[in-house]
Amino acid sequence: MISKFLSKLKSILFKSEVSLETPLKKEKKAAKSAKTKTKTKTKTKTKEVNSKKNIETLATLPGVGAKSAKALYEAGFKTTKAVIAADEKDLLAVSGVGINLVKKLKKLK
């Protein structure tokens, strides 16, 4: 306790920072930050894989190509059910989706 007090006092008096962390604490922090970075990379890869699968699934709808599927996905239509259940005005608001495609999709209901 006294040693911590003295080291703090020295840091105040001599304007240098003295670290109170032990080397073990520093190692734990470094390991924890490395795990967090790995988890973040895994999550982004998973999201990319899921988005690609969803876009491929949307492209299976009649009249929907790769570009239209990507545009629908980016507009918030993540599943084929969401596209089929969507209002005509909402679908027409998506770039790359025309009236003929909307008619084909509405026949699926």
PDB file of N, CA and C in Angstrom:
ATOM      1  N   MET A   1       0.828  -1.188   0.000  1.00  0.00           N
ATOM      2  CA  MET A   1       0.000   0.000   0.000  1.00  0.00           C
ATOM      3  C   MET A   1       0.868   1.245   0.000  1.00  0.00           C
ATOM      4  N   ILE A   2       1.893   1.222   0.841  1.00  0.00           N
ATOM      5  CA  ILE A   2       2.777   2.376   0.923  1.00  0.00           C
ATOM      6  C   ILE A   2       3.556   2.525  -0.384  1.00  0.00           C
ATOM      7  N   SER A   3       3.925   1.397  -0.994  1.00  0.00           N
ATOM      8  CA  SER A   3       4.686   1.472  -2.241  1.00  0.00           C
ATOM      9  C   SER A   3       3.843   2.076  -3.364  1.00  0.00           C
ATOM     10  N   LYS A   4       2.563   1.758  -3.399  1.00  0.00           N
ATOM     11  CA  LYS A   4       1.673   2.350  -4.402  1.00  0.00           C
ATOM     12  C   LYS A   4       1.560   3.844  -4.181  1.00  0.00           C
ATOM     13  N   PHE A   5       1.429   4.221  -2.925  1.00  0.00           N
ATOM     14  CA  PHE A   5       1.325   5.636  -2.576  1.00  0.00           C
ATOM     15  C   PHE A   5       2.593   6.377  -3.000  1.00  0.00           C
ATOM     16  N   LEU A   6       3.756   5.793  -2.714  1.00  0.00           N
ATOM     17  CA  LEU A   6       5.012   6.431  -3.054  1.00  0.00           C
ATOM     18  C   LEU A   6       5.192   6.532  -4.576  1.00  0.00           C
ATOM     19  N   SER A   7       4.817   5.488  -5.294  1.00  0.00           N
ATOM     20  CA  SER A   7       4.952   5.535  -6.751  1.00  0.00           C
ATOM     21  C   SER A   7       4.011   6.578  -7.355  1.00  0.00           C
ATOM     22  N   LYS A   8       2.838   6.697  -6.802  1.00  0.00           N
ATOM     23  CA  LYS A   8       1.886   7.709  -7.267  1.00  0.00           C
ATOM     24  C   LYS A   8       2.423   9.101  -6.968  1.00  0.00           C
ATOM     25  N   LEU A   9       2.989   9.271  -5.775  1.00  0.00           N
ATOM     26  CA  LEU A   9       3.565  10.546  -5.377  1.00  0.00           C
ATOM     27  C   LEU A   9       4.732  10.910  -6.296  1.00  0.00           C
ATOM     28  N   LYS A  10       5.567   9.939  -6.626  1.00  0.00           N
ATOM     29  CA  LYS A  10       6.692  10.181  -7.527  1.00  0.00           C
ATOM     30  C   LYS A  10       6.192  10.614  -8.896  1.00  0.00           C
ATOM     31  N   SER A  11       5.127   9.950  -9.375  1.00  0.00           N
ATOM     32  CA  SER A  11       4.609  10.298 -10.694  1.00  0.00           C
ATOM     33  C   SER A  11       4.050  11.715 -10.710  1.00  0.00           C
ATOM     34  N   ILE A  12       3.450  12.119  -9.613  1.00  0.00           N
ATOM     35  CA  ILE A  12       2.915  13.480  -9.534  1.00  0.00           C
ATOM     36  C   ILE A  12       4.051  14.488  -9.460  1.00  0.00           C
ATOM     37  N   LEU A  13       5.040  14.215  -8.632  1.00  0.00           N
ATOM     38  CA  LEU A  13       6.141  15.148  -8.432  1.00  0.00           C
ATOM     39  C   LEU A  13       7.042  15.270  -9.646  1.00  0.00           C
ATOM     40  N   PHE A  14       7.324  14.175 -10.292  1.00  0.00           N
ATOM     41  CA  PHE A  14       8.272  14.184 -11.395  1.00  0.00           C
ATOM     42  C   PHE A  14       7.585  14.154 -12.759  1.00  0.00           C
ATOM     43  N   LYS A  15       6.275  14.275 -12.785  1.00  0.00           N
ATOM     44  CA  LYS A  15       5.480  14.357 -14.017  1.00  0.00           C
ATOM     45  C   LYS A  15       5.710  13.185 -14.965  1.00  0.00           C
ATOM     46  N   SER A  16       5.980  12.045 -14.435  1.00  0.00           N
ATOM     47  CA  SER A  16       6.109  10.850 -15.270  1.00  0.00           C
ATOM     48  C   SER A  16       5.065   9.848 -14.809  1.00  0.00           C
ATOM     49  N   GLU A  17       4.560   9.111 -15.745  1.00  0.00           N
ATOM     50  CA  GLU A  17       3.535   8.145 -15.392  1.00  0.00           C
ATOM     51  C   GLU A  17       4.172   6.824 -14.991  1.00  0.00           C
ATOM     52  N   VAL A  18       3.774   6.347 -13.847  1.00  0.00           N
ATOM     53  CA  VAL A  18       4.236   5.056 -13.376  1.00  0.00           C
ATOM     54  C   VAL A  18       3.052   4.117 -13.461  1.00  0.00           C
ATOM     55  N   SER A  19       3.231   3.030 -14.152  1.00  0.00           N
ATOM     56  CA  SER A  19       2.146   2.082 -14.337  1.00  0.00           C
ATOM     57  C   SER A  19       2.007   1.209 -13.098  1.00  0.00           C
ATOM     58  N   LEU A  20       0.775   1.126 -12.606  1.00  0.00           N
ATOM     59  CA  LEU A  20       0.510   0.285 -11.446  1.00  0.00           C
ATOM     60  C   LEU A  20       0.102  -1.120 -11.858  1.00  0.00           C
ATOM     61  N   GLU A  21       0.012  -1.351 -13.166  1.00  0.00           N
ATOM     62  CA  GLU A  21      -0.398  -2.666 -13.640  1.00  0.00           C
ATOM     63  C   GLU A  21       0.790  -3.619 -13.619  1.00  0.00           C
ATOM     64  N   THR A  22       0.512  -4.819 -13.259  1.00  0.00           N
ATOM     65  CA  THR A  22       1.551  -5.839 -13.287  1.00  0.00           C
ATOM     66  C   THR A  22       1.671  -6.379 -14.705  1.00  0.00           C
ATOM     67  N   PRO A  23       2.783  -6.991 -15.036  1.00  0.00           N
ATOM     68  CA  PRO A  23       2.922  -7.563 -16.390  1.00  0.00           C
ATOM     69  C   PRO A  23       1.844  -8.587 -16.708  1.00  0.00           C
ATOM     70  N   LEU A  24       1.358  -9.308 -15.699  1.00  0.00           N
ATOM     71  CA  LEU A  24       0.316 -10.301 -15.925  1.00  0.00           C
ATOM     72  C   LEU A  24      -0.982  -9.628 -16.361  1.00  0.00           C
ATOM     73  N   LYS A  25      -1.327  -8.498 -15.737  1.00  0.00           N
ATOM     74  CA  LYS A  25      -2.535  -7.773 -16.129  1.00  0.00           C
ATOM     75  C   LYS A  25      -2.429  -7.272 -17.563  1.00  0.00           C
ATOM     76  N   LYS A  26      -1.239  -6.807 -17.938  1.00  0.00           N
ATOM     77  CA  LYS A  26      -1.049  -6.332 -19.304  1.00  0.00           C
ATOM     78  C   LYS A  26      -1.232  -7.463 -20.307  1.00  0.00           C
ATOM     79  N   GLU A  27      -0.726  -8.657 -19.978  1.00  0.00           N
ATOM     80  CA  GLU A  27      -0.875  -9.812 -20.863  1.00  0.00           C
ATOM     81  C   GLU A  27      -2.346 -10.194 -21.016  1.00  0.00           C
ATOM     82  N   LYS A  28      -3.089 -10.142 -19.905  1.00  0.00           N
ATOM     83  CA  LYS A  28      -4.515 -10.488 -19.970  1.00  0.00           C
ATOM     84  C   LYS A  28      -5.268  -9.503 -20.852  1.00  0.00           C
ATOM     85  N   LYS A  29      -4.946  -8.218 -20.723  1.00  0.00           N
ATOM     86  CA  LYS A  29      -5.615  -7.217 -21.553  1.00  0.00           C
ATOM     87  C   LYS A  29      -5.312  -7.443 -23.024  1.00  0.00           C
ATOM     88  N   ALA A  30      -4.064  -7.750 -23.341  1.00  0.00           N
ATOM     89  CA  ALA A  30      -3.672  -7.986 -24.725  1.00  0.00           C
ATOM     90  C   ALA A  30      -4.389  -9.213 -25.290  1.00  0.00           C
ATOM     91  N   ALA A  31      -4.493 -10.262 -24.488  1.00  0.00           N
ATOM     92  CA  ALA A  31      -5.176 -11.478 -24.933  1.00  0.00           C
ATOM     93  C   ALA A  31      -6.658 -11.209 -25.154  1.00  0.00           C
ATOM     94  N   LYS A  32      -7.245 -10.420 -24.273  1.00  0.00           N
ATOM     95  CA  LYS A  32      -8.671 -10.107 -24.390  1.00  0.00           C
ATOM     96  C   LYS A  32      -8.946  -9.288 -25.655  1.00  0.00           C
ATOM     97  N   SER A  33      -8.100  -8.321 -25.940  1.00  0.00           N
ATOM     98  CA  SER A  33      -8.309  -7.512 -27.139  1.00  0.00           C
ATOM     99  C   SER A  33      -8.115  -8.341 -28.402  1.00  0.00           C
ATOM    100  N   ALA A  34      -7.205  -9.311 -28.363  1.00  0.00           N
ATOM    101  CA  ALA A  34      -7.007 -10.188 -29.515  1.00  0.00           C
ATOM    102  C   ALA A  34      -8.243 -11.049 -29.760  1.00  0.00           C
ATOM    103  N   LYS A  35      -8.859 -11.542 -28.680  1.00  0.00           N
ATOM    104  CA  LYS A  35     -10.083 -12.342 -28.829  1.00  0.00           C
ATOM    105  C   LYS A  35     -11.205 -11.504 -29.411  1.00  0.00           C
ATOM    106  N   THR A  36     -11.330 -10.262 -28.970  1.00  0.00           N
ATOM    107  CA  THR A  36     -12.381  -9.384 -29.467  1.00  0.00           C
ATOM    108  C   THR A  36     -12.214  -9.144 -30.959  1.00  0.00           C
ATOM    109  N   LYS A  37     -10.980  -8.932 -31.413  1.00  0.00           N
ATOM    110  CA  LYS A  37     -10.735  -8.717 -32.835  1.00  0.00           C
ATOM    111  C   LYS A  37     -11.115  -9.942 -33.645  1.00  0.00           C
ATOM    112  N   THR A  38     -10.814 -11.137 -33.139  1.00  0.00           N
ATOM    113  CA  THR A  38     -11.145 -12.368 -33.840  1.00  0.00           C
ATOM    114  C   THR A  38     -12.654 -12.535 -33.949  1.00  0.00           C
ATOM    115  N   LYS A  39     -13.382 -12.252 -32.860  1.00  0.00           N
ATOM    116  CA  LYS A  39     -14.840 -12.365 -32.882  1.00  0.00           C
ATOM    117  C   LYS A  39     -15.440 -11.402 -33.885  1.00  0.00           C
ATOM    118  N   THR A  40     -14.915 -10.186 -33.961  1.00  0.00           N
ATOM    119  CA  THR A  40     -15.439  -9.199 -34.888  1.00  0.00           C
ATOM    120  C   THR A  40     -15.248  -9.659 -36.321  1.00  0.00           C
ATOM    121  N   LYS A  41     -14.078 -10.209 -36.642  1.00  0.00           N
ATOM    122  CA  LYS A  41     -13.837 -10.698 -37.993  1.00  0.00           C
ATOM    123  C   LYS A  41     -14.774 -11.842 -38.328  1.00  0.00           C
ATOM    124  N   THR A  42     -15.023 -12.733 -37.376  1.00  0.00           N
ATOM    125  CA  THR A  42     -15.911 -13.863 -37.608  1.00  0.00           C
ATOM    126  C   THR A  42     -17.325 -13.382 -37.868  1.00  0.00           C
ATOM    127  N   LYS A  43     -17.785 -12.384 -37.112  1.00  0.00           N
ATOM    128  CA  LYS A  43     -19.133 -11.863 -37.300  1.00  0.00           C
ATOM    129  C   LYS A  43     -19.294 -11.232 -38.673  1.00  0.00           C
ATOM    130  N   THR A  44     -18.300 -10.469 -39.117  1.00  0.00           N
ATOM    131  CA  THR A  44     -18.433  -9.834 -40.421  1.00  0.00           C
ATOM    132  C   THR A  44     -18.406 -10.868 -41.536  1.00  0.00           C
ATOM    133  N   LYS A  45     -17.601 -11.910 -41.384  1.00  0.00           N
ATOM    134  CA  LYS A  45     -17.590 -12.969 -42.394  1.00  0.00           C
ATOM    135  C   LYS A  45     -18.929 -13.677 -42.427  1.00  0.00           C
ATOM    136  N   THR A  46     -19.517 -13.924 -41.265  1.00  0.00           N
ATOM    137  CA  THR A  46     -20.817 -14.583 -41.190  1.00  0.00           C
ATOM    138  C   THR A  46     -21.880 -13.725 -41.853  1.00  0.00           C
ATOM    139  N   LYS A  47     -21.849 -12.418 -41.608  1.00  0.00           N
ATOM    140  CA  LYS A  47     -22.830 -11.522 -42.230  1.00  0.00           C
ATOM    141  C   LYS A  47     -22.674 -11.526 -43.747  1.00  0.00           C
ATOM    142  N   GLU A  48     -21.428 -11.539 -44.228  1.00  0.00           N
ATOM    143  CA  GLU A  48     -21.203 -11.572 -45.670  1.00  0.00           C
ATOM    144  C   GLU A  48     -21.741 -12.859 -46.278  1.00  0.00           C
ATOM    145  N   VAL A  49     -21.504 -13.970 -45.614  1.00  0.00           N
ATOM    146  CA  VAL A  49     -21.981 -15.264 -46.108  1.00  0.00           C
ATOM    147  C   VAL A  49     -23.503 -15.291 -46.112  1.00  0.00           C
ATOM    148  N   ASN A  50     -24.118 -14.798 -45.031  1.00  0.00           N
ATOM    149  CA  ASN A  50     -25.578 -14.775 -44.955  1.00  0.00           C
ATOM    150  C   ASN A  50     -26.167 -13.872 -46.027  1.00  0.00           C
ATOM    151  N   SER A  51     -25.576 -12.719 -46.255  1.00  0.00           N
ATOM    152  CA  SER A  51     -26.119 -11.820 -47.268  1.00  0.00           C
ATOM    153  C   SER A  51     -26.005 -12.439 -48.654  1.00  0.00           C
ATOM    154  N   LYS A  52     -24.896 -13.110 -48.924  1.00  0.00           N
ATOM    155  CA  LYS A  52     -24.748 -13.768 -50.228  1.00  0.00           C
ATOM    156  C   LYS A  52     -25.784 -14.866 -50.414  1.00  0.00           C
ATOM    157  N   LYS A  53     -26.029 -15.632 -49.350  1.00  0.00           N
ATOM    158  CA  LYS A  53     -27.035 -16.697 -49.435  1.00  0.00           C
ATOM    159  C   LYS A  53     -28.421 -16.103 -49.648  1.00  0.00           C
ATOM    160  N   ASN A  54     -28.729 -15.031 -48.944  1.00  0.00           N
ATOM    161  CA  ASN A  54     -30.041 -14.399 -49.093  1.00  0.00           C
ATOM    162  C   ASN A  54     -30.221 -13.835 -50.495  1.00  0.00           C
ATOM    163  N   ILE A  55     -29.176 -13.233 -51.040  1.00  0.00           N
ATOM    164  CA  ILE A  55     -29.268 -12.689 -52.394  1.00  0.00           C
ATOM    165  C   ILE A  55     -29.457 -13.814 -53.406  1.00  0.00           C
ATOM    166  N   GLU A  56     -28.755 -14.916 -53.211  1.00  0.00           N
ATOM    167  CA  GLU A  56     -28.931 -16.065 -54.104  1.00  0.00           C
ATOM    168  C   GLU A  56     -30.343 -16.621 -54.007  1.00  0.00           C
ATOM    169  N   THR A  57     -30.891 -16.632 -52.812  1.00  0.00           N
ATOM    170  CA  THR A  57     -32.259 -17.121 -52.624  1.00  0.00           C
ATOM    171  C   THR A  57     -33.254 -16.201 -53.316  1.00  0.00           C
ATOM    172  N   LEU A  58     -33.032 -14.887 -53.207  1.00  0.00           N
ATOM    173  CA  LEU A  58     -33.932 -13.942 -53.875  1.00  0.00           C
ATOM    174  C   LEU A  58     -33.845 -14.088 -55.391  1.00  0.00           C
ATOM    175  N   ALA A  59     -32.697 -14.467 -55.902  1.00  0.00           N
ATOM    176  CA  ALA A  59     -32.531 -14.622 -57.346  1.00  0.00           C
ATOM    177  C   ALA A  59     -33.287 -15.838 -57.885  1.00  0.00           C
ATOM    178  N   THR A  60     -33.755 -16.709 -57.007  1.00  0.00           N
ATOM    179  CA  THR A  60     -34.528 -17.870 -57.465  1.00  0.00           C
ATOM    180  C   THR A  60     -35.971 -17.499 -57.792  1.00  0.00           C
ATOM    181  N   LEU A  61     -36.395 -16.322 -57.390  1.00  0.00           N
ATOM    182  CA  LEU A  61     -37.752 -15.883 -57.730  1.00  0.00           C
ATOM    183  C   LEU A  61     -37.846 -15.660 -59.240  1.00  0.00           C
ATOM    184  N   PRO A  62     -39.002 -15.945 -59.833  1.00  0.00           N
ATOM    185  CA  PRO A  62     -39.137 -15.771 -61.293  1.00  0.00           C
ATOM    186  C   PRO A  62     -39.005 -14.304 -61.693  1.00  0.00           C
ATOM    187  N   GLY A  63     -38.124 -14.063 -62.664  1.00  0.00           N
ATOM    188  CA  GLY A  63     -37.931 -12.707 -63.167  1.00  0.00           C
ATOM    189  C   GLY A  63     -36.898 -11.894 -62.398  1.00  0.00           C
ATOM    190  N   VAL A  64     -36.377 -12.439 -61.320  1.00  0.00           N
ATOM    191  CA  VAL A  64     -35.403 -11.708 -60.506  1.00  0.00           C
ATOM    192  C   VAL A  64     -34.012 -12.218 -60.847  1.00  0.00           C
ATOM    193  N   GLY A  65     -33.174 -11.311 -61.328  1.00  0.00           N
ATOM    194  CA  GLY A  65     -31.792 -11.659 -61.627  1.00  0.00           C
ATOM    195  C   GLY A  65     -30.874 -11.272 -60.479  1.00  0.00           C
ATOM    196  N   ALA A  66     -29.595 -11.370 -60.723  1.00  0.00           N
ATOM    197  CA  ALA A  66     -28.616 -11.080 -59.677  1.00  0.00           C
ATOM    198  C   ALA A  66     -28.669  -9.613 -59.247  1.00  0.00           C
ATOM    199  N   LYS A  67     -28.770  -8.710 -60.211  1.00  0.00           N
ATOM    200  CA  LYS A  67     -28.803  -7.278 -59.874  1.00  0.00           C
ATOM    201  C   LYS A  67     -30.079  -6.914 -59.122  1.00  0.00           C
ATOM    202  N   SER A  68     -31.203  -7.428 -59.586  1.00  0.00           N
ATOM    203  CA  SER A  68     -32.472  -7.144 -58.911  1.00  0.00           C
ATOM    204  C   SER A  68     -32.482  -7.734 -57.509  1.00  0.00           C
ATOM    205  N   ALA A  69     -31.926  -8.925 -57.371  1.00  0.00           N
ATOM    206  CA  ALA A  69     -31.880  -9.570 -56.055  1.00  0.00           C
ATOM    207  C   ALA A  69     -31.038  -8.752 -55.088  1.00  0.00           C
ATOM    208  N   LYS A  70     -29.914  -8.252 -55.557  1.00  0.00           N
ATOM    209  CA  LYS A  70     -29.055  -7.430 -54.702  1.00  0.00           C
ATOM    210  C   LYS A  70     -29.760  -6.126 -54.327  1.00  0.00           C
ATOM    211  N   ALA A  71     -30.449  -5.522 -55.295  1.00  0.00           N
ATOM    212  CA  ALA A  71     -31.173  -4.277 -55.021  1.00  0.00           C
ATOM    213  C   ALA A  71     -32.295  -4.511 -54.010  1.00  0.00           C
ATOM    214  N   LEU A  72     -33.006  -5.630 -54.159  1.00  0.00           N
ATOM    215  CA  LEU A  72     -34.071  -5.951 -53.196  1.00  0.00           C
ATOM    216  C   LEU A  72     -33.507  -6.184 -51.804  1.00  0.00           C
ATOM    217  N   TYR A  73     -32.382  -6.878 -51.736  1.00  0.00           N
ATOM    218  CA  TYR A  73     -31.757  -7.155 -50.434  1.00  0.00           C
ATOM    219  C   TYR A  73     -31.319  -5.855 -49.765  1.00  0.00           C
ATOM    220  N   GLU A  74     -30.701  -4.982 -50.538  1.00  0.00           N
ATOM    221  CA  GLU A  74     -30.242  -3.710 -49.986  1.00  0.00           C
ATOM    222  C   GLU A  74     -31.407  -2.799 -49.598  1.00  0.00           C
ATOM    223  N   ALA A  75     -32.563  -3.008 -50.222  1.00  0.00           N
ATOM    224  CA  ALA A  75     -33.741  -2.212 -49.887  1.00  0.00           C
ATOM    225  C   ALA A  75     -34.446  -2.729 -48.639  1.00  0.00           C
ATOM    226  N   GLY A  76     -33.999  -3.870 -48.115  1.00  0.00           N
ATOM    227  CA  GLY A  76     -34.573  -4.379 -46.875  1.00  0.00           C
ATOM    228  C   GLY A  76     -35.387  -5.644 -47.012  1.00  0.00           C
ATOM    229  N   PHE A  77     -35.532  -6.146 -48.229  1.00  0.00           N
ATOM    230  CA  PHE A  77     -36.258  -7.391 -48.446  1.00  0.00           C
ATOM    231  C   PHE A  77     -35.259  -8.543 -48.342  1.00  0.00           C
ATOM    232  N   LYS A  78     -35.180  -9.158 -47.168  1.00  0.00           N
ATOM    233  CA  LYS A  78     -34.151 -10.166 -46.908  1.00  0.00           C
ATOM    234  C   LYS A  78     -34.569 -11.573 -47.312  1.00  0.00           C
ATOM    235  N   THR A  79     -35.863 -11.840 -47.395  1.00  0.00           N
ATOM    236  CA  THR A  79     -36.336 -13.186 -47.716  1.00  0.00           C
ATOM    237  C   THR A  79     -37.311 -13.132 -48.891  1.00  0.00           C
ATOM    238  N   THR A  80     -37.545 -14.306 -49.483  1.00  0.00           N
ATOM    239  CA  THR A  80     -38.509 -14.366 -50.580  1.00  0.00           C
ATOM    240  C   THR A  80     -39.921 -14.084 -50.082  1.00  0.00           C
ATOM    241  N   LYS A  81     -40.216 -14.512 -48.876  1.00  0.00           N
ATOM    242  CA  LYS A  81     -41.541 -14.237 -48.301  1.00  0.00           C
ATOM    243  C   LYS A  81     -41.774 -12.747 -48.157  1.00  0.00           C
ATOM    244  N   ALA A  82     -40.736 -12.015 -47.763  1.00  0.00           N
ATOM    245  CA  ALA A  82     -40.863 -10.565 -47.600  1.00  0.00           C
ATOM    246  C   ALA A  82     -41.123  -9.891 -48.944  1.00  0.00           C
ATOM    247  N   VAL A  83     -40.503 -10.397 -49.996  1.00  0.00           N
ATOM    248  CA  VAL A  83     -40.705  -9.829 -51.331  1.00  0.00           C
ATOM    249  C   VAL A  83     -42.115 -10.111 -51.811  1.00  0.00           C
ATOM    250  N   ILE A  84     -42.562 -11.343 -51.635  1.00  0.00           N
ATOM    251  CA  ILE A  84     -43.893 -11.725 -52.101  1.00  0.00           C
ATOM    252  C   ILE A  84     -44.982 -10.981 -51.331  1.00  0.00           C
ATOM    253  N   ALA A  85     -44.768 -10.775 -50.044  1.00  0.00           N
ATOM    254  CA  ALA A  85     -45.776 -10.109 -49.206  1.00  0.00           C
ATOM    255  C   ALA A  85     -45.728  -8.589 -49.305  1.00  0.00           C
ATOM    256  N   ALA A  86     -44.720  -8.049 -49.939  1.00  0.00           N
ATOM    257  CA  ALA A  86     -44.541  -6.596 -49.993  1.00  0.00           C
ATOM    258  C   ALA A  86     -45.600  -5.926 -50.854  1.00  0.00           C
ATOM    259  N   ASP A  87     -45.841  -4.678 -50.555  1.00  0.00           N
ATOM    260  CA  ASP A  87     -46.775  -3.866 -51.312  1.00  0.00           C
ATOM    261  C   ASP A  87     -46.137  -3.498 -52.665  1.00  0.00           C
ATOM    262  N   GLU A  88     -46.973  -3.347 -53.683  1.00  0.00           N
ATOM    263  CA  GLU A  88     -46.472  -3.037 -55.020  1.00  0.00           C
ATOM    264  C   GLU A  88     -45.679  -1.737 -55.049  1.00  0.00           C
ATOM    265  N   LYS A  89     -46.136  -0.742 -54.310  1.00  0.00           N
ATOM    266  CA  LYS A  89     -45.451   0.556 -54.286  1.00  0.00           C
ATOM    267  C   LYS A  89     -44.057   0.428 -53.681  1.00  0.00           C
ATOM    268  N   ASP A  90     -43.937  -0.406 -52.657  1.00  0.00           N
ATOM    269  CA  ASP A  90     -42.634  -0.601 -52.023  1.00  0.00           C
ATOM    270  C   ASP A  90     -41.664  -1.288 -52.976  1.00  0.00           C
ATOM    271  N   LEU A  91     -42.162  -2.243 -53.741  1.00  0.00           N
ATOM    272  CA  LEU A  91     -41.300  -2.945 -54.695  1.00  0.00           C
ATOM    273  C   LEU A  91     -40.887  -2.035 -55.844  1.00  0.00           C
ATOM    274  N   LEU A  92     -41.803  -1.218 -56.316  1.00  0.00           N
ATOM    275  CA  LEU A  92     -41.487  -0.307 -57.417  1.00  0.00           C
ATOM    276  C   LEU A  92     -40.499   0.774 -56.995  1.00  0.00           C
ATOM    277  N   ALA A  93     -40.405   1.041 -55.713  1.00  0.00           N
ATOM    278  CA  ALA A  93     -39.464   2.037 -55.219  1.00  0.00           C
ATOM    279  C   ALA A  93     -38.017   1.553 -55.288  1.00  0.00           C
ATOM    280  N   VAL A  94     -37.828   0.248 -55.425  1.00  0.00           N
ATOM    281  CA  VAL A  94     -36.484  -0.322 -55.512  1.00  0.00           C
ATOM    282  C   VAL A  94     -35.962  -0.121 -56.937  1.00  0.00           C
ATOM    283  N   SER A  95     -34.726   0.379 -57.043  1.00  0.00           N
ATOM    284  CA  SER A  95     -34.159   0.585 -58.373  1.00  0.00           C
ATOM    285  C   SER A  95     -33.895  -0.772 -59.026  1.00  0.00           C
ATOM    286  N   GLY A  96     -34.249  -0.865 -60.292  1.00  0.00           N
ATOM    287  CA  GLY A  96     -34.064  -2.113 -61.018  1.00  0.00           C
ATOM    288  C   GLY A  96     -35.276  -3.016 -61.003  1.00  0.00           C
ATOM    289  N   VAL A  97     -36.319  -2.606 -60.314  1.00  0.00           N
ATOM    290  CA  VAL A  97     -37.554  -3.393 -60.258  1.00  0.00           C
ATOM    291  C   VAL A  97     -38.628  -2.618 -61.018  1.00  0.00           C
ATOM    292  N   GLY A  98     -39.169  -3.276 -62.041  1.00  0.00           N
ATOM    293  CA  GLY A  98     -40.189  -2.630 -62.857  1.00  0.00           C
ATOM    294  C   GLY A  98     -41.558  -3.256 -62.648  1.00  0.00           C
ATOM    295  N   ILE A  99     -42.525  -2.723 -63.370  1.00  0.00           N
ATOM    296  CA  ILE A  99     -43.914  -3.158 -63.223  1.00  0.00           C
ATOM    297  C   ILE A  99     -44.087  -4.611 -63.641  1.00  0.00           C
ATOM    298  N   ASN A 100     -43.355  -5.056 -64.677  1.00  0.00           N
ATOM    299  CA  ASN A 100     -43.484  -6.446 -65.130  1.00  0.00           C
ATOM    300  C   ASN A 100     -42.996  -7.417 -64.059  1.00  0.00           C
ATOM    301  N   LEU A 101     -41.904  -7.076 -63.404  1.00  0.00           N
ATOM    302  CA  LEU A 101     -41.397  -7.931 -62.327  1.00  0.00           C
ATOM    303  C   LEU A 101     -42.383  -7.972 -61.166  1.00  0.00           C
ATOM    304  N   VAL A 102     -42.961  -6.849 -60.856  1.00  0.00           N
ATOM    305  CA  VAL A 102     -43.938  -6.799 -59.761  1.00  0.00           C
ATOM    306  C   VAL A 102     -45.136  -7.682 -60.098  1.00  0.00           C
ATOM    307  N   LYS A 103     -45.581  -7.652 -61.344  1.00  0.00           N
ATOM    308  CA  LYS A 103     -46.708  -8.498 -61.748  1.00  0.00           C
ATOM    309  C   LYS A 103     -46.369  -9.980 -61.596  1.00  0.00           C
ATOM    310  N   LYS A 104     -45.149 -10.361 -61.991  1.00  0.00           N
ATOM    311  CA  LYS A 104     -44.728 -11.758 -61.847  1.00  0.00           C
ATOM    312  C   LYS A 104     -44.698 -12.183 -60.369  1.00  0.00           C
ATOM    313  N   LEU A 105     -44.220 -11.281 -59.539  1.00  0.00           N
ATOM    314  CA  LEU A 105     -44.126 -11.594 -58.108  1.00  0.00           C
ATOM    315  C   LEU A 105     -45.503 -11.675 -57.470  1.00  0.00           C
ATOM    316  N   LYS A 106     -46.431 -10.865 -57.915  1.00  0.00           N
ATOM    317  CA  LYS A 106     -47.775 -10.882 -57.321  1.00  0.00           C
ATOM    318  C   LYS A 106     -48.551 -12.132 -57.727  1.00  0.00           C
ATOM    319  N   LYS A 107     -48.170 -12.752 -58.848  1.00  0.00           N
ATOM    320  CA  LYS A 107     -48.809 -14.015 -59.251  1.00  0.00           C
ATOM    321  C   LYS A 107     -48.450 -15.138 -58.287  1.00  0.00           C
ATOM    322  N   LEU A 108     -47.355 -14.994 -57.576  1.00  0.00           N
ATOM    323  CA  LEU A 108     -46.909 -16.036 -56.633  1.00  0.00           C
ATOM    324  C   LEU A 108     -47.733 -16.085 -55.366  1.00  0.00           C
ATOM    325  N   LYS A 109     -48.499 -15.052 -55.070  1.00  0.00           N
ATOM    326  CA  LYS A 109     -49.294 -15.022 -53.839  1.00  0.00           C
ATOM    327  C   LYS A 109     -50.295 -16.102 -53.796  1.00  0.00           C
TER     328      LYS A 109
END
